[in-house]
Amino acid sequence: MCKDKIQLNRRALLGAGSAVAAILSMIPILVWQPAAAATKADKAALDYQDSPKDGKTCATCWAYVDMPGTASGSCKAVEGTVNRNGWCKAYSPKQMR
């Protein structure tokens, strides 16, 4: 009878330990992902320029966020304000829907 109690406790301990290990292994993923998404590059690192390149402009890029009433906006990839007619190495055209 005493042996049955020990096995039951061992099962409970192993089950709880597995659950705790699974939860602890997810913490770095949950913590790291938002921090990585918030990181932007500075303009120099992406060779940002205030003029178009080969007909490509920030206004036609997926990362450009327009500020209505101005000739500038923000970018999901570049720090600071960018010119809607600018260009950088992160340029990728918006997807057609």
N, C-alpha and C. Protein backbone atom coordinates (compact mmCIF):
# COMPACT_ATOMS: atom_id res chain seq x y z
N MET A 1 0.82 -1.19 0.00
CA MET A 1 0.00 0.00 0.00
C MET A 1 0.86 1.26 0.00
N CYS A 2 1.91 1.25 0.75
CA CYS A 2 2.81 2.38 0.81
C CYS A 2 3.52 2.56 -0.53
N LYS A 3 3.83 1.46 -1.20
CA LYS A 3 4.50 1.49 -2.49
C LYS A 3 3.62 2.16 -3.54
N ASP A 4 2.28 1.95 -3.51
CA ASP A 4 1.37 2.58 -4.45
C ASP A 4 1.36 4.10 -4.29
N LYS A 5 1.43 4.58 -3.08
CA LYS A 5 1.45 6.02 -2.84
C LYS A 5 2.71 6.65 -3.42
N ILE A 6 3.83 5.97 -3.28
CA ILE A 6 5.09 6.49 -3.78
C ILE A 6 5.05 6.59 -5.31
N GLN A 7 4.51 5.59 -6.00
CA GLN A 7 4.42 5.63 -7.45
C GLN A 7 3.48 6.74 -7.91
N LEU A 8 2.36 6.93 -7.22
CA LEU A 8 1.43 7.97 -7.58
C LEU A 8 2.08 9.34 -7.42
N ASN A 9 2.80 9.54 -6.36
CA ASN A 9 3.47 10.81 -6.14
C ASN A 9 4.58 11.04 -7.17
N ARG A 10 5.25 9.97 -7.55
CA ARG A 10 6.30 10.09 -8.55
C ARG A 10 5.68 10.50 -9.89
N ARG A 11 4.54 9.91 -10.26
CA ARG A 11 3.85 10.29 -11.51
C ARG A 11 3.41 11.75 -11.47
N ALA A 12 2.85 12.14 -10.37
CA ALA A 12 2.41 13.54 -10.24
C ALA A 12 3.60 14.49 -10.34
N LEU A 13 4.69 14.14 -9.71
CA LEU A 13 5.88 14.97 -9.74
C LEU A 13 6.45 15.06 -11.16
N LEU A 14 6.52 13.94 -11.85
CA LEU A 14 7.03 13.95 -13.22
C LEU A 14 6.11 14.73 -14.15
N GLY A 15 4.81 14.58 -13.99
CA GLY A 15 3.86 15.33 -14.81
C GLY A 15 3.96 16.83 -14.57
N ALA A 16 4.02 17.22 -13.32
CA ALA A 16 4.15 18.64 -12.98
C ALA A 16 5.49 19.19 -13.46
N GLY A 17 6.53 18.42 -13.32
CA GLY A 17 7.86 18.84 -13.77
C GLY A 17 7.90 19.07 -15.27
N SER A 18 7.24 18.19 -16.02
CA SER A 18 7.19 18.34 -17.47
C SER A 18 6.44 19.61 -17.86
N ALA A 19 5.35 19.88 -17.18
CA ALA A 19 4.57 21.08 -17.47
C ALA A 19 5.38 22.34 -17.16
N VAL A 20 6.06 22.34 -16.04
CA VAL A 20 6.88 23.50 -15.66
C VAL A 20 8.01 23.69 -16.68
N ALA A 21 8.65 22.62 -17.10
CA ALA A 21 9.73 22.71 -18.08
C ALA A 21 9.22 23.28 -19.42
N ALA A 22 8.03 22.86 -19.83
CA ALA A 22 7.46 23.37 -21.08
C ALA A 22 7.16 24.86 -20.99
N ILE A 23 6.62 25.28 -19.87
CA ILE A 23 6.31 26.71 -19.68
C ILE A 23 7.58 27.53 -19.64
N LEU A 24 8.58 27.06 -18.90
CA LEU A 24 9.83 27.80 -18.81
C LEU A 24 10.55 27.90 -20.15
N SER A 25 10.41 26.89 -20.99
CA SER A 25 11.08 26.92 -22.29
C SER A 25 10.43 27.94 -23.23
N MET A 26 9.18 28.33 -22.98
CA MET A 26 8.50 29.30 -23.84
C MET A 26 8.77 30.74 -23.44
N ILE A 27 9.24 30.97 -22.24
CA ILE A 27 9.45 32.34 -21.77
C ILE A 27 10.41 33.13 -22.67
N PRO A 28 11.57 32.59 -23.06
CA PRO A 28 12.46 33.38 -23.93
C PRO A 28 11.81 33.73 -25.27
N ILE A 29 11.01 32.86 -25.81
CA ILE A 29 10.33 33.12 -27.09
C ILE A 29 9.36 34.27 -26.93
N LEU A 30 8.57 34.25 -25.87
CA LEU A 30 7.58 35.29 -25.64
C LEU A 30 8.23 36.63 -25.32
N VAL A 31 9.33 36.62 -24.63
CA VAL A 31 10.01 37.86 -24.25
C VAL A 31 10.80 38.43 -25.41
N TRP A 32 11.49 37.59 -26.16
CA TRP A 32 12.37 38.04 -27.23
C TRP A 32 11.62 38.56 -28.43
N GLN A 33 10.53 37.94 -28.84
CA GLN A 33 9.84 38.28 -30.08
C GLN A 33 9.39 39.74 -30.15
N PRO A 34 8.68 40.29 -29.14
CA PRO A 34 8.30 41.69 -29.23
C PRO A 34 9.49 42.64 -29.26
N ALA A 35 10.54 42.33 -28.55
CA ALA A 35 11.72 43.19 -28.53
C ALA A 35 12.37 43.21 -29.91
N ALA A 36 12.45 42.10 -30.56
CA ALA A 36 13.06 42.04 -31.88
C ALA A 36 12.21 42.78 -32.90
N ALA A 37 10.92 42.72 -32.79
CA ALA A 37 10.04 43.40 -33.73
C ALA A 37 10.13 44.90 -33.61
N ALA A 38 10.46 45.41 -32.45
CA ALA A 38 10.51 46.84 -32.22
C ALA A 38 11.81 47.48 -32.70
N THR A 39 12.80 46.71 -33.07
CA THR A 39 14.10 47.23 -33.47
C THR A 39 14.06 47.77 -34.89
N LYS A 40 14.53 49.00 -35.04
CA LYS A 40 14.64 49.62 -36.37
C LYS A 40 16.10 49.97 -36.62
N ALA A 41 16.47 50.02 -37.88
CA ALA A 41 17.84 50.39 -38.26
C ALA A 41 17.94 51.90 -38.44
N ASP A 42 19.14 52.44 -38.26
CA ASP A 42 19.29 53.87 -38.52
C ASP A 42 19.44 54.08 -40.03
N LYS A 43 19.23 55.31 -40.45
CA LYS A 43 19.20 55.63 -41.88
C LYS A 43 20.51 55.29 -42.59
N ALA A 44 21.62 55.54 -41.93
CA ALA A 44 22.93 55.30 -42.55
C ALA A 44 23.14 53.81 -42.83
N ALA A 45 22.67 52.95 -41.93
CA ALA A 45 22.87 51.51 -42.10
C ALA A 45 22.13 50.98 -43.33
N LEU A 46 21.03 51.63 -43.70
CA LEU A 46 20.25 51.19 -44.86
C LEU A 46 20.42 52.10 -46.07
N ASP A 47 21.45 52.95 -46.04
CA ASP A 47 21.73 53.88 -47.14
C ASP A 47 20.50 54.68 -47.55
N TYR A 48 19.76 55.19 -46.56
CA TYR A 48 18.57 55.99 -46.84
C TYR A 48 18.95 57.25 -47.59
N GLN A 49 18.11 57.62 -48.56
CA GLN A 49 18.28 58.88 -49.28
C GLN A 49 16.90 59.52 -49.45
N ASP A 50 16.86 60.85 -49.54
CA ASP A 50 15.59 61.57 -49.65
C ASP A 50 15.03 61.60 -51.07
N SER A 51 15.68 60.92 -51.99
CA SER A 51 15.22 60.91 -53.39
C SER A 51 14.98 59.47 -53.84
N PRO A 52 14.15 59.29 -54.88
CA PRO A 52 13.86 57.95 -55.37
C PRO A 52 15.08 57.28 -56.00
N LYS A 53 15.01 55.96 -56.12
CA LYS A 53 16.07 55.23 -56.81
C LYS A 53 15.41 54.27 -57.79
N ASP A 54 15.72 54.43 -59.06
CA ASP A 54 15.17 53.59 -60.12
C ASP A 54 13.64 53.55 -60.07
N GLY A 55 13.02 54.69 -59.76
CA GLY A 55 11.56 54.78 -59.71
C GLY A 55 10.93 54.21 -58.45
N LYS A 56 11.75 53.74 -57.52
CA LYS A 56 11.24 53.17 -56.28
C LYS A 56 11.26 54.24 -55.19
N THR A 57 10.14 54.38 -54.47
CA THR A 57 10.03 55.37 -53.41
C THR A 57 9.46 54.75 -52.14
N CYS A 58 9.68 55.44 -51.03
CA CYS A 58 9.14 54.99 -49.75
C CYS A 58 7.62 54.85 -49.82
N ALA A 59 6.96 55.75 -50.54
CA ALA A 59 5.50 55.73 -50.63
C ALA A 59 4.96 54.43 -51.21
N THR A 60 5.77 53.73 -52.01
CA THR A 60 5.32 52.48 -52.61
C THR A 60 5.87 51.24 -51.89
N CYS A 61 6.51 51.47 -50.73
CA CYS A 61 7.12 50.38 -49.96
C CYS A 61 6.15 49.87 -48.90
N TRP A 62 6.24 48.59 -48.58
CA TRP A 62 5.37 47.96 -47.57
C TRP A 62 5.57 48.57 -46.19
N ALA A 63 6.75 49.09 -45.89
CA ALA A 63 7.09 49.55 -44.56
C ALA A 63 6.71 51.02 -44.30
N TYR A 64 6.33 51.74 -45.33
CA TYR A 64 6.04 53.17 -45.19
C TYR A 64 4.68 53.40 -44.55
N VAL A 65 4.65 54.30 -43.57
CA VAL A 65 3.40 54.69 -42.90
C VAL A 65 3.21 56.17 -43.15
N ASP A 66 2.21 56.51 -43.96
CA ASP A 66 1.97 57.89 -44.38
C ASP A 66 1.49 58.77 -43.23
N MET A 67 1.93 60.03 -43.23
CA MET A 67 1.43 61.04 -42.30
C MET A 67 0.65 62.03 -43.17
N PRO A 68 -0.69 61.89 -43.23
CA PRO A 68 -1.50 62.73 -44.12
C PRO A 68 -1.22 64.23 -43.96
N GLY A 69 -1.21 64.92 -45.09
CA GLY A 69 -0.98 66.36 -45.09
C GLY A 69 0.48 66.76 -45.10
N THR A 70 1.38 65.78 -45.13
CA THR A 70 2.81 66.09 -45.17
C THR A 70 3.48 65.29 -46.28
N ALA A 71 4.71 65.64 -46.57
CA ALA A 71 5.48 64.90 -47.59
C ALA A 71 6.33 63.84 -46.93
N SER A 72 6.07 63.58 -45.66
CA SER A 72 6.88 62.60 -44.96
C SER A 72 5.99 61.62 -44.20
N GLY A 73 6.65 60.64 -43.60
CA GLY A 73 5.95 59.64 -42.82
C GLY A 73 6.95 58.89 -41.96
N SER A 74 6.52 57.76 -41.47
CA SER A 74 7.43 56.93 -40.69
C SER A 74 7.61 55.60 -41.41
N CYS A 75 8.56 54.83 -40.92
CA CYS A 75 8.89 53.56 -41.56
C CYS A 75 8.99 52.47 -40.51
N LYS A 76 8.56 51.28 -40.87
CA LYS A 76 8.63 50.14 -39.95
C LYS A 76 10.05 49.58 -39.86
N ALA A 77 10.93 49.98 -40.79
CA ALA A 77 12.29 49.44 -40.82
C ALA A 77 13.36 50.47 -40.46
N VAL A 78 13.07 51.77 -40.69
CA VAL A 78 14.05 52.83 -40.51
C VAL A 78 13.62 53.74 -39.36
N GLU A 79 14.58 54.15 -38.54
CA GLU A 79 14.29 55.08 -37.44
C GLU A 79 14.03 56.48 -37.97
N GLY A 80 13.15 57.20 -37.29
CA GLY A 80 12.91 58.60 -37.61
C GLY A 80 11.92 58.81 -38.74
N THR A 81 11.81 60.06 -39.13
CA THR A 81 10.91 60.45 -40.21
C THR A 81 11.58 60.21 -41.55
N VAL A 82 10.80 59.76 -42.52
CA VAL A 82 11.33 59.52 -43.87
C VAL A 82 10.49 60.29 -44.88
N ASN A 83 11.11 60.68 -45.97
CA ASN A 83 10.43 61.39 -47.05
C ASN A 83 9.68 60.36 -47.90
N ARG A 84 8.45 60.69 -48.28
CA ARG A 84 7.67 59.75 -49.08
C ARG A 84 8.33 59.47 -50.43
N ASN A 85 9.19 60.39 -50.91
CA ASN A 85 9.91 60.19 -52.17
C ASN A 85 11.30 59.61 -51.95
N GLY A 86 11.62 59.23 -50.71
CA GLY A 86 12.92 58.67 -50.39
C GLY A 86 13.04 57.21 -50.79
N TRP A 87 14.19 56.62 -50.45
CA TRP A 87 14.46 55.21 -50.76
C TRP A 87 15.53 54.69 -49.81
N CYS A 88 15.50 53.38 -49.51
CA CYS A 88 16.59 52.74 -48.76
C CYS A 88 16.69 51.28 -49.17
N LYS A 89 17.72 50.59 -48.65
CA LYS A 89 17.95 49.19 -49.00
C LYS A 89 16.84 48.25 -48.52
N ALA A 90 16.05 48.68 -47.57
CA ALA A 90 14.96 47.84 -47.06
C ALA A 90 13.74 47.87 -47.96
N TYR A 91 13.80 48.62 -49.05
CA TYR A 91 12.64 48.77 -49.95
C TYR A 91 12.13 47.41 -50.45
N SER A 92 10.83 47.27 -50.35
CA SER A 92 10.14 46.11 -50.91
C SER A 92 8.74 46.59 -51.27
N PRO A 93 8.31 46.40 -52.51
CA PRO A 93 7.03 46.97 -52.92
C PRO A 93 5.84 46.40 -52.13
N LYS A 94 4.82 47.25 -51.97
CA LYS A 94 3.59 46.81 -51.31
C LYS A 94 2.96 45.69 -52.12
N GLN A 95 2.34 44.76 -51.45
CA GLN A 95 1.66 43.66 -52.12
C GLN A 95 0.30 44.13 -52.64
N MET A 96 -0.05 43.75 -53.84
CA MET A 96 -1.37 44.07 -54.39
C MET A 96 -2.41 43.16 -53.78
N ARG A 97 -3.54 43.71 -53.44
CA ARG A 97 -4.62 42.90 -52.85
C ARG A 97 -5.73 42.69 -53.81
